[in-house]
Amino acid sequence: MQRRRFLKYTSLGTASLVFSGCKGFNFGNSPPETTPPLDPFPNPAVNFGNLEKKDLVLGFLPVMGATPLIIAKEKGFFQKYGLNVTLKAQLNWLEIETGLKEYRFDAAQTPYAMPLIAQFSDNYIPMSALMVLHRHGSSIVLDRTAWDTSLRPARDYFNFQEFAKDFRKYIREGDQPFAYGIDSLTSNNYYLFRYWLSTIGIRTKKEVEWVEISPPEITTNLEKRLINGYCSEAPWDQQGIFEKQGFIASISKNIWTGHPGSVLSTMIPWIENHPTTARALTAAILEACQFCDLPEKRTEIGAIVAQNSYLNSDSSLIKKALGETYQYGGFDQEIREDKITDFYVFHHQNQDYFGEKDHANYPWLSHGIWFLTQLIRWKSIKLQEYPKNADYQLKKVYPLEIYEEVTKALNIKIPRERMKIEPANVFIDQREFDPSDPVKYLRQFPREL
């Protein structure tokens, strides 16, 4: 198969960006300053000590994974902890990475694997994640061509094996190369999408081309037939349904139930120079995460994050991802919808994949180990085998000290251990993940040529 050409453009090994400009976005600026409303939680702010820095600039991408940052600003959580925060919307993850490296951002929302790749790449970048911002939140969207070959959402099939059989037929009987849009080769969307395709039996290095596209521009590229589908966070998954350009094949929760989403990242020297500020920042965002999971606040949250300066989206699409009826779409008259209360989990829900004292924001070391196995599997880094000193390096990428101190101050219980087994039933391929033996886990997967 002739593959489409693409250019590498970042130090973390990402591919070409396709976009035509995001009209209506106020990139680089927060909305006009307003007096934040009173804190909806009665507990006073924890005094971690004198702040080394009060005026902060945080970068974010216009996807719903940024919701805790937006709510922390709009609902006064930053102000509560003595922080004056400016949020800077960026067009792509490369701009986020560059802003962190150049210390133009004090911290930023990043893909879970970005600080991990920074740690293990040849061009070492001292990046660290302070906390996880959410679980889940993405979907795989396919275009009308897939629909016209009789492919349907996976939920419509008796089992995943039946869907996989139809999908393989669709790919291998097609008369064109298949290109799929993702936000970054460092993102959860890329690794989960690739895991999903590989489980189906697709050779993701030979049968698929990856095209990086800014999330707000991804449906435009689908409409222009520059891509055959994409994996994206909300609300841009539902945007494809709203514009009648595609249908939802699968949601990320069904690829790995309980998978981590975006993280709050910063540079290690920044933490060393601003330890008290780092604690206050983490506390403010953690309280915002709790707020984001309040069912009675969904309408308000949807209206806030939909603003032009943030996601520039229809608030009704955002509310679908906050627990209202989720639409799978389709090009017939049938209504396909489910109520998915945990499409996003910003802090905690009563779900069986949350263990004792577990919650969405806890930085499980085992999650980092899983992503490291995928970096090696897909040759995102030059390592050919799982490194012997991985745990030491992973603890620098996902440190616990600040998070542990903040959660203790906020009376949030956390697990005693940093690693846990992910049972077979949470993965689409039914493979158990035991973080104590990542080498054995990695060797289960055939290496693609």
Protein backbone atom coordinates (compact mmCIF):
# COMPACT_ATOMS: atom_id res chain seq x y z
CA MET A 1 0.00 0.00 0.00
CA GLN A 2 1.29 3.43 -0.89
CA ARG A 3 1.43 5.49 2.27
CA ARG A 4 0.87 9.21 2.47
CA ARG A 5 3.94 11.33 3.06
CA PHE A 6 4.22 13.32 6.26
CA LEU A 7 6.81 15.51 7.96
CA LYS A 8 8.19 15.29 11.46
CA TYR A 9 8.04 18.57 13.29
CA THR A 10 8.75 18.21 16.99
CA SER A 11 11.48 17.03 19.29
CA LEU A 12 9.16 14.32 20.59
CA GLY A 13 8.75 12.74 17.17
CA THR A 14 5.36 14.00 16.07
CA ALA A 15 3.99 14.19 12.53
CA SER A 16 2.62 16.92 10.28
CA LEU A 17 -0.13 19.23 11.47
CA VAL A 18 -3.08 19.83 9.16
CA PHE A 19 -5.30 22.83 9.83
CA SER A 20 -6.68 25.88 8.10
CA GLY A 21 -7.07 28.15 11.11
CA CYS A 22 -9.55 28.16 13.95
CA LYS A 23 -11.95 31.00 13.41
CA GLY A 24 -13.62 32.38 16.49
CA PHE A 25 -10.92 31.31 18.93
CA ASN A 26 -9.23 33.85 21.12
CA PHE A 27 -5.99 31.87 21.34
CA GLY A 28 -3.49 33.15 23.87
CA ASN A 29 -5.93 35.13 25.96
CA SER A 30 -8.23 34.45 28.86
CA PRO A 31 -11.68 36.03 28.79
CA PRO A 32 -12.08 39.43 30.42
CA GLU A 33 -11.34 39.38 34.14
CA THR A 34 -14.39 39.01 36.31
CA THR A 35 -14.87 38.63 40.02
CA PRO A 36 -15.09 34.86 40.61
CA PRO A 37 -18.14 33.61 42.52
CA LEU A 38 -17.85 32.31 46.01
CA ASP A 39 -16.26 28.91 46.48
CA PRO A 40 -19.03 26.26 46.35
CA PHE A 41 -17.21 24.17 48.96
CA PRO A 42 -17.25 25.38 52.57
CA ASN A 43 -13.72 24.27 53.49
CA PRO A 44 -11.14 27.07 53.72
CA ALA A 45 -8.01 27.11 51.60
CA VAL A 46 -5.08 25.16 52.99
CA ASN A 47 -2.16 27.40 53.86
CA PHE A 48 0.90 25.66 52.42
CA GLY A 49 3.13 28.63 53.23
CA ASN A 50 4.31 31.74 51.41
CA LEU A 51 3.85 31.48 47.67
CA GLU A 52 7.06 31.91 45.67
CA LYS A 53 4.98 33.10 42.70
CA LYS A 54 1.38 34.26 42.54
CA ASP A 55 0.91 35.25 38.88
CA LEU A 56 0.86 32.10 36.78
CA VAL A 57 0.31 31.31 33.10
CA LEU A 58 -1.14 27.89 32.25
CA GLY A 59 -1.41 26.43 28.75
CA PHE A 60 -4.28 24.27 27.58
CA LEU A 61 -5.73 22.70 24.43
CA PRO A 62 -9.40 23.38 23.56
CA VAL A 63 -10.69 19.94 24.54
CA MET A 64 -12.70 18.91 27.56
CA GLY A 65 -9.65 17.54 29.33
CA ALA A 66 -8.91 21.19 30.14
CA THR A 67 -12.19 21.57 32.04
CA PRO A 68 -10.63 21.46 35.55
CA LEU A 69 -8.28 24.34 34.65
CA ILE A 70 -11.13 26.39 33.21
CA ILE A 71 -13.40 25.73 36.19
CA ALA A 72 -10.59 26.48 38.64
CA LYS A 73 -10.32 29.93 37.11
CA GLU A 74 -14.00 30.67 36.51
CA LYS A 75 -15.24 29.39 39.89
CA GLY A 76 -12.53 31.03 41.97
CA PHE A 77 -10.44 28.06 43.08
CA PHE A 78 -7.19 29.64 41.91
CA GLN A 79 -8.08 32.88 43.69
CA LYS A 80 -8.94 30.90 46.82
CA TYR A 81 -5.33 29.72 46.99
CA GLY A 82 -3.88 33.15 46.33
CA LEU A 83 -3.11 32.51 42.66
CA ASN A 84 -3.75 34.90 39.79
CA VAL A 85 -3.90 32.61 36.77
CA THR A 86 -4.02 33.42 33.07
CA LEU A 87 -5.09 30.58 30.78
CA LYS A 88 -3.56 30.43 27.31
CA ALA A 89 -5.33 28.36 24.67
CA GLN A 90 -2.95 26.71 22.19
CA LEU A 91 -3.65 25.21 18.80
CA ASN A 92 -1.72 21.96 19.27
CA TRP A 93 0.33 19.96 21.75
CA LEU A 94 3.61 21.09 20.20
CA GLU A 95 2.85 24.65 21.27
CA ILE A 96 2.10 23.37 24.77
CA GLU A 97 5.39 21.46 24.89
CA THR A 98 7.36 24.44 23.60
CA GLY A 99 5.71 26.81 26.08
CA LEU A 100 6.72 24.54 28.94
CA LYS A 101 10.29 24.07 27.71
CA GLU A 102 10.73 27.81 27.30
CA TYR A 103 9.13 28.49 30.71
CA ARG A 104 6.49 30.72 29.13
CA PHE A 105 4.00 28.45 30.88
CA ASP A 106 4.31 27.73 34.57
CA ALA A 107 2.31 24.56 34.00
CA ALA A 108 -0.02 23.15 31.37
CA GLN A 109 -2.49 20.46 30.45
CA THR A 110 -0.57 17.82 28.47
CA PRO A 111 -1.16 14.31 27.15
CA TYR A 112 -0.37 11.66 29.74
CA ALA A 113 2.63 10.38 27.79
CA MET A 114 4.22 13.74 26.94
CA PRO A 115 6.38 14.01 30.09
CA LEU A 116 7.14 10.28 29.76
CA ILE A 117 8.45 10.70 26.21
CA ALA A 118 10.37 13.77 27.34
CA GLN A 119 12.09 11.66 30.01
CA PHE A 120 13.07 8.78 27.73
CA SER A 121 13.79 10.61 24.48
CA ASP A 122 17.30 11.40 23.25
CA ASN A 123 16.58 15.08 23.79
CA TYR A 124 15.86 14.79 27.51
CA ILE A 125 13.39 17.36 28.82
CA PRO A 126 12.94 17.61 32.63
CA MET A 127 9.13 17.52 32.56
CA SER A 128 6.93 16.17 35.34
CA ALA A 129 3.22 15.58 35.92
CA LEU A 130 1.75 16.84 39.19
CA MET A 131 -1.62 15.09 38.88
CA VAL A 132 -4.08 13.46 36.49
CA LEU A 133 -6.90 15.72 35.35
CA HIS A 134 -9.48 13.09 34.38
CA ARG A 135 -10.19 9.55 33.19
CA HIS A 136 -11.60 8.65 29.74
CA GLY A 137 -13.03 11.26 27.36
CA SER A 138 -12.26 10.25 23.75
CA SER A 139 -13.95 8.47 20.85
CA ILE A 140 -13.09 6.97 17.47
CA VAL A 141 -15.07 8.52 14.61
CA LEU A 142 -15.33 6.98 11.14
CA ASP A 143 -16.54 8.67 7.95
CA ARG A 144 -19.50 7.93 5.69
CA THR A 145 -17.38 5.69 3.45
CA ALA A 146 -17.11 3.23 6.34
CA TRP A 147 -20.85 3.45 6.89
CA ASP A 148 -21.56 2.79 3.21
CA THR A 149 -19.61 -0.48 3.42
CA SER A 150 -22.13 -1.56 6.11
CA LEU A 151 -19.80 -0.87 9.04
CA ARG A 152 -21.69 0.27 12.14
CA PRO A 153 -20.82 1.38 15.70
CA ALA A 154 -19.26 -1.46 17.67
CA ARG A 155 -22.16 -1.27 20.14
CA ASP A 156 -24.51 -2.51 17.38
CA TYR A 157 -22.70 -5.85 17.06
CA PHE A 158 -23.25 -8.97 19.11
CA ASN A 159 -19.57 -8.88 20.15
CA PHE A 160 -16.36 -7.09 19.31
CA GLN A 161 -15.09 -10.00 17.20
CA GLU A 162 -17.97 -9.48 14.75
CA PHE A 163 -17.18 -5.78 14.50
CA ALA A 164 -13.48 -6.54 14.03
CA LYS A 165 -14.25 -8.91 11.15
CA ASP A 166 -16.26 -6.22 9.33
CA PHE A 167 -13.60 -3.59 10.03
CA ARG A 168 -10.79 -5.75 8.61
CA LYS A 169 -12.87 -6.34 5.49
CA TYR A 170 -13.51 -2.60 5.16
CA ILE A 171 -9.80 -1.79 5.38
CA ARG A 172 -8.52 -4.57 3.14
CA GLU A 173 -11.11 -4.26 0.42
CA GLY A 174 -10.74 -0.48 0.22
CA ASP A 175 -9.30 1.13 -2.90
CA GLN A 176 -7.42 3.90 -1.11
CA PRO A 177 -4.87 4.40 1.66
CA PHE A 178 -6.53 4.94 5.04
CA ALA A 179 -5.48 8.05 6.94
CA TYR A 180 -6.64 8.71 10.48
CA GLY A 181 -6.49 11.98 12.36
CA ILE A 182 -5.10 12.33 15.87
CA ASP A 183 -4.14 15.33 17.96
CA SER A 184 -0.54 14.16 18.55
CA LEU A 185 1.77 11.17 18.43
CA THR A 186 2.27 11.82 22.16
CA SER A 187 -1.41 11.64 23.06
CA ASN A 188 -3.66 9.05 24.66
CA ASN A 189 -5.74 9.16 21.49
CA TYR A 190 -2.85 7.89 19.40
CA TYR A 191 -1.85 5.04 21.72
CA LEU A 192 -5.41 3.91 22.46
CA PHE A 193 -6.45 4.13 18.80
CA ARG A 194 -3.41 2.12 17.77
CA TYR A 195 -4.05 -0.45 20.50
CA TRP A 196 -7.65 -0.76 19.27
CA LEU A 197 -6.66 -1.20 15.63
CA SER A 198 -4.00 -3.75 16.51
CA THR A 199 -6.54 -5.74 18.54
CA ILE A 200 -8.77 -5.81 15.45
CA GLY A 201 -5.85 -7.20 13.46
CA ILE A 202 -4.88 -4.12 11.47
CA ARG A 203 -1.16 -3.67 10.75
CA THR A 204 -0.90 -0.12 11.97
CA LYS A 205 2.46 0.57 10.32
CA LYS A 206 1.46 -0.68 6.88
CA GLU A 207 -2.28 -0.26 6.55
CA VAL A 208 -2.79 3.06 8.34
CA GLU A 209 -1.34 6.54 8.00
CA TRP A 210 -1.41 8.95 10.95
CA VAL A 211 -2.10 12.63 10.43
CA GLU A 212 -1.81 15.15 13.26
CA ILE A 213 -4.59 17.73 13.30
CA SER A 214 -5.63 20.38 15.77
CA PRO A 215 -8.84 19.12 17.45
CA PRO A 216 -11.02 22.10 16.41
CA GLU A 217 -10.05 21.47 12.76
CA ILE A 218 -10.48 17.72 12.72
CA THR A 219 -14.06 17.59 11.44
CA THR A 220 -13.16 20.02 8.64
CA ASN A 221 -10.51 17.56 7.49
CA LEU A 222 -13.05 14.74 7.66
CA GLU A 223 -15.49 16.76 5.54
CA LYS A 224 -12.76 17.44 2.95
CA ARG A 225 -11.94 13.71 2.90
CA LEU A 226 -8.35 14.33 3.91
CA ILE A 227 -8.84 11.66 6.56
CA ASN A 228 -11.07 8.61 6.88
CA GLY A 229 -11.73 9.07 10.57
CA TYR A 230 -10.15 10.26 13.77
CA CYS A 231 -9.77 9.76 17.48
CA SER A 232 -10.44 12.87 19.52
CA GLU A 233 -11.54 14.13 22.89
CA ALA A 234 -14.92 15.69 23.43
CA PRO A 235 -16.52 17.83 22.21
CA TRP A 236 -14.89 17.24 18.81
CA ASP A 237 -16.07 13.64 18.71
CA GLN A 238 -19.69 14.79 18.97
CA GLN A 239 -18.98 17.65 16.58
CA GLY A 240 -18.49 15.07 13.81
CA ILE A 241 -21.92 13.64 14.59
CA PHE A 242 -23.51 17.09 14.82
CA GLU A 243 -22.12 18.02 11.38
CA LYS A 244 -23.25 14.64 9.96
CA GLN A 245 -19.72 13.86 8.82
CA GLY A 246 -19.21 10.61 10.70
CA PHE A 247 -20.34 8.15 13.36
CA ILE A 248 -18.83 6.89 16.61
CA ALA A 249 -17.19 3.49 16.15
CA SER A 250 -16.02 3.15 19.77
CA ILE A 251 -15.34 5.16 22.89
CA SER A 252 -11.99 5.12 24.68
CA LYS A 253 -13.55 3.75 27.86
CA ASN A 254 -14.26 0.53 25.95
CA ILE A 255 -10.61 0.24 24.86
CA TRP A 256 -9.25 0.52 28.39
CA THR A 257 -11.82 1.07 31.11
CA GLY A 258 -10.32 3.40 33.68
CA HIS A 259 -7.53 4.77 31.51
CA PRO A 260 -5.96 8.09 32.58
CA GLY A 261 -6.53 11.25 30.55
CA SER A 262 -4.64 14.52 30.48
CA VAL A 263 -2.17 15.47 33.21
CA LEU A 264 -1.09 18.75 34.77
CA SER A 265 2.55 19.03 33.72
CA THR A 266 5.35 21.42 34.56
CA MET A 267 9.14 21.47 34.46
CA ILE A 268 11.08 19.83 37.28
CA PRO A 269 13.24 22.97 37.89
CA TRP A 270 10.01 24.98 38.18
CA ILE A 271 8.79 22.68 40.96
CA GLU A 272 12.16 22.94 42.71
CA ASN A 273 11.99 26.75 42.58
CA HIS A 274 8.28 27.01 43.46
CA PRO A 275 7.40 24.10 45.80
CA THR A 276 4.74 25.99 47.76
CA THR A 277 3.15 27.41 44.61
CA ALA A 278 3.10 23.91 43.12
CA ARG A 279 1.15 22.67 46.15
CA ALA A 280 -1.34 25.54 45.98
CA LEU A 281 -1.80 25.01 42.24
CA THR A 282 -2.41 21.29 42.71
CA ALA A 283 -4.89 21.92 45.52
CA ALA A 284 -6.86 24.48 43.51
CA ILE A 285 -7.17 22.18 40.50
CA LEU A 286 -7.97 19.16 42.64
CA GLU A 287 -10.88 21.04 44.23
CA ALA A 288 -12.00 22.07 40.75
CA CYS A 289 -11.95 18.41 39.70
CA GLN A 290 -14.29 17.60 42.58
CA PHE A 291 -16.61 20.37 41.44
CA CYS A 292 -16.60 19.05 37.86
CA ASP A 293 -18.05 15.71 39.00
CA LEU A 294 -21.12 17.27 40.65
CA PRO A 295 -24.13 16.18 38.53
CA GLU A 296 -26.08 19.32 39.38
CA LYS A 297 -23.31 21.48 37.89
CA ARG A 298 -23.27 19.93 34.39
CA THR A 299 -25.32 22.66 32.73
CA GLU A 300 -23.23 25.40 34.31
CA ILE A 301 -19.95 23.66 33.44
CA GLY A 302 -21.10 23.16 29.85
CA ALA A 303 -21.90 26.85 29.46
CA ILE A 304 -18.57 27.92 30.96
CA VAL A 305 -16.23 25.73 28.93
CA ALA A 306 -18.20 26.32 25.69
CA GLN A 307 -17.15 29.99 25.62
CA ASN A 308 -15.15 31.24 22.63
CA SER A 309 -12.03 31.77 24.71
CA TYR A 310 -12.09 28.17 25.83
CA LEU A 311 -13.59 25.41 23.63
CA ASN A 312 -15.68 27.58 21.30
CA SER A 313 -18.28 24.84 21.05
CA ASP A 314 -21.98 24.18 21.43
CA SER A 315 -22.66 23.62 25.13
CA SER A 316 -25.14 20.85 24.29
CA LEU A 317 -22.29 18.78 22.81
CA ILE A 318 -20.25 19.30 25.95
CA LYS A 319 -23.10 18.21 28.20
CA LYS A 320 -23.36 14.91 26.29
CA ALA A 321 -19.84 14.11 27.47
CA LEU A 322 -20.69 15.16 31.03
CA GLY A 323 -23.16 12.34 31.55
CA GLU A 324 -26.15 13.25 29.42
CA THR A 325 -27.26 11.02 26.55
CA TYR A 326 -24.26 10.25 24.35
CA GLN A 327 -24.92 10.10 20.61
CA TYR A 328 -23.23 7.56 18.32
CA GLY A 329 -24.74 8.97 15.14
CA GLY A 330 -25.33 7.18 11.85
CA PHE A 331 -26.61 7.87 8.37
CA ASP A 332 -30.02 6.30 8.77
CA GLN A 333 -33.06 7.18 10.83
CA GLU A 334 -32.14 5.02 13.81
CA ILE A 335 -31.35 6.71 17.14
CA ARG A 336 -28.19 5.36 18.75
CA GLU A 337 -27.58 6.74 22.20
CA ASP A 338 -26.41 5.64 25.61
CA LYS A 339 -26.27 7.35 28.98
CA ILE A 340 -22.57 7.17 29.86
CA THR A 341 -22.14 8.81 33.24
CA ASP A 342 -18.41 8.08 33.31
CA PHE A 343 -17.52 9.21 29.80
CA TYR A 344 -15.44 11.70 31.82
CA VAL A 345 -14.48 11.21 35.43
CA PHE A 346 -12.76 14.28 36.82
CA HIS A 347 -12.38 13.06 40.39
CA HIS A 348 -14.47 10.11 41.52
CA GLN A 349 -17.55 8.09 40.68
CA ASN A 350 -18.87 4.89 42.15
CA GLN A 351 -17.42 2.62 39.46
CA ASP A 352 -15.95 -0.84 39.95
CA TYR A 353 -12.64 0.10 38.31
CA PHE A 354 -11.94 2.48 41.18
CA GLY A 355 -10.42 0.56 44.05
CA GLU A 356 -10.33 1.50 47.70
CA LYS A 357 -9.31 5.13 48.19
CA ASP A 358 -8.73 5.44 44.44
CA HIS A 359 -9.81 8.39 42.34
CA ALA A 360 -9.21 9.81 38.87
CA ASN A 361 -6.44 12.23 39.86
CA TYR A 362 -4.14 9.77 41.60
CA PRO A 363 -0.87 9.31 39.62
CA TRP A 364 -0.63 5.54 39.46
CA LEU A 365 2.92 4.49 38.68
CA SER A 366 1.50 1.42 36.98
CA HIS A 367 -0.27 3.60 34.43
CA GLY A 368 3.08 5.10 33.53
CA ILE A 369 4.51 1.61 33.14
CA TRP A 370 1.71 0.65 30.74
CA PHE A 371 2.33 3.70 28.58
CA LEU A 372 6.06 3.01 28.59
CA THR A 373 5.41 -0.48 27.21
CA GLN A 374 3.43 1.12 24.39
CA LEU A 375 6.17 3.66 23.64
CA ILE A 376 8.57 0.75 23.22
CA ARG A 377 6.06 -1.35 21.30
CA TRP A 378 5.40 1.36 18.73
CA LYS A 379 9.00 2.67 18.69
CA SER A 380 8.02 6.14 19.88
CA ILE A 381 11.39 6.15 21.64
CA LYS A 382 14.63 4.40 20.69
CA LEU A 383 14.51 1.87 23.51
CA GLN A 384 14.20 -1.67 22.16
CA GLU A 385 13.64 -3.31 25.53
CA TYR A 386 12.03 -2.26 28.79
CA PRO A 387 14.71 -0.39 30.81
CA LYS A 388 15.92 -1.85 34.09
CA ASN A 389 15.89 1.55 35.82
CA ALA A 390 12.40 2.42 34.58
CA ASP A 391 10.82 2.73 38.06
CA TYR A 392 13.39 5.32 39.11
CA GLN A 393 12.77 7.39 35.99
CA LEU A 394 9.00 6.99 36.18
CA LYS A 395 8.97 8.35 39.72
CA LYS A 396 10.54 11.54 38.38
CA VAL A 397 7.89 11.79 35.67
CA TYR A 398 4.94 11.04 37.97
CA PRO A 399 6.09 12.07 41.46
CA LEU A 400 3.84 11.54 44.45
CA GLU A 401 5.31 13.80 47.14
CA ILE A 402 3.44 17.03 46.34
CA TYR A 403 0.21 15.23 45.48
CA GLU A 404 0.38 13.18 48.68
CA GLU A 405 0.86 16.29 50.81
CA VAL A 406 -2.01 18.11 49.10
CA THR A 407 -4.47 15.23 49.38
CA LYS A 408 -3.61 14.79 53.04
CA ALA A 409 -4.30 18.48 53.64
CA LEU A 410 -7.62 18.20 51.76
CA ASN A 411 -8.53 15.01 53.66
CA ILE A 412 -8.61 12.93 50.47
CA LYS A 413 -7.60 9.33 51.05
CA ILE A 414 -5.18 7.82 48.54
CA PRO A 415 -4.05 4.21 47.90
CA ARG A 416 -1.14 2.84 49.91
CA GLU A 417 0.53 1.38 46.84
CA ARG A 418 1.56 3.05 43.60
CA MET A 419 1.00 0.05 41.35
CA LYS A 420 -2.01 -2.11 40.64
CA ILE A 421 -2.88 -4.94 38.29
CA GLU A 422 -5.30 -3.99 35.50
CA PRO A 423 -7.55 -7.05 35.05
CA ALA A 424 -8.17 -8.56 31.65
CA ASN A 425 -11.78 -7.41 31.49
CA VAL A 426 -10.86 -3.70 31.39
CA PHE A 427 -8.99 -4.04 28.08
CA ILE A 428 -10.52 -4.51 24.64
CA ASP A 429 -8.13 -7.41 23.93
CA GLN A 430 -8.75 -9.11 27.30
CA ARG A 431 -5.04 -9.02 28.23
CA GLU A 432 -4.28 -8.56 31.91
CA PHE A 433 -1.61 -5.99 32.70
CA ASP A 434 0.66 -6.83 35.64
CA PRO A 435 3.02 -3.87 36.21
CA SER A 436 5.40 -6.05 38.20
CA ASP A 437 6.41 -7.83 34.98
CA PRO A 438 6.26 -5.33 32.10
CA VAL A 439 8.78 -7.33 30.07
CA LYS A 440 6.47 -10.35 29.97
CA TYR A 441 3.52 -8.10 29.11
CA LEU A 442 5.40 -6.38 26.30
CA ARG A 443 6.53 -9.67 24.77
CA GLN A 444 2.91 -10.75 24.28
CA PHE A 445 2.62 -8.33 21.40
CA PRO A 446 4.20 -9.12 18.03
CA ARG A 447 6.50 -6.38 16.74
CA GLU A 448 5.20 -4.86 13.54
CA LEU A 449 7.70 -4.33 10.73
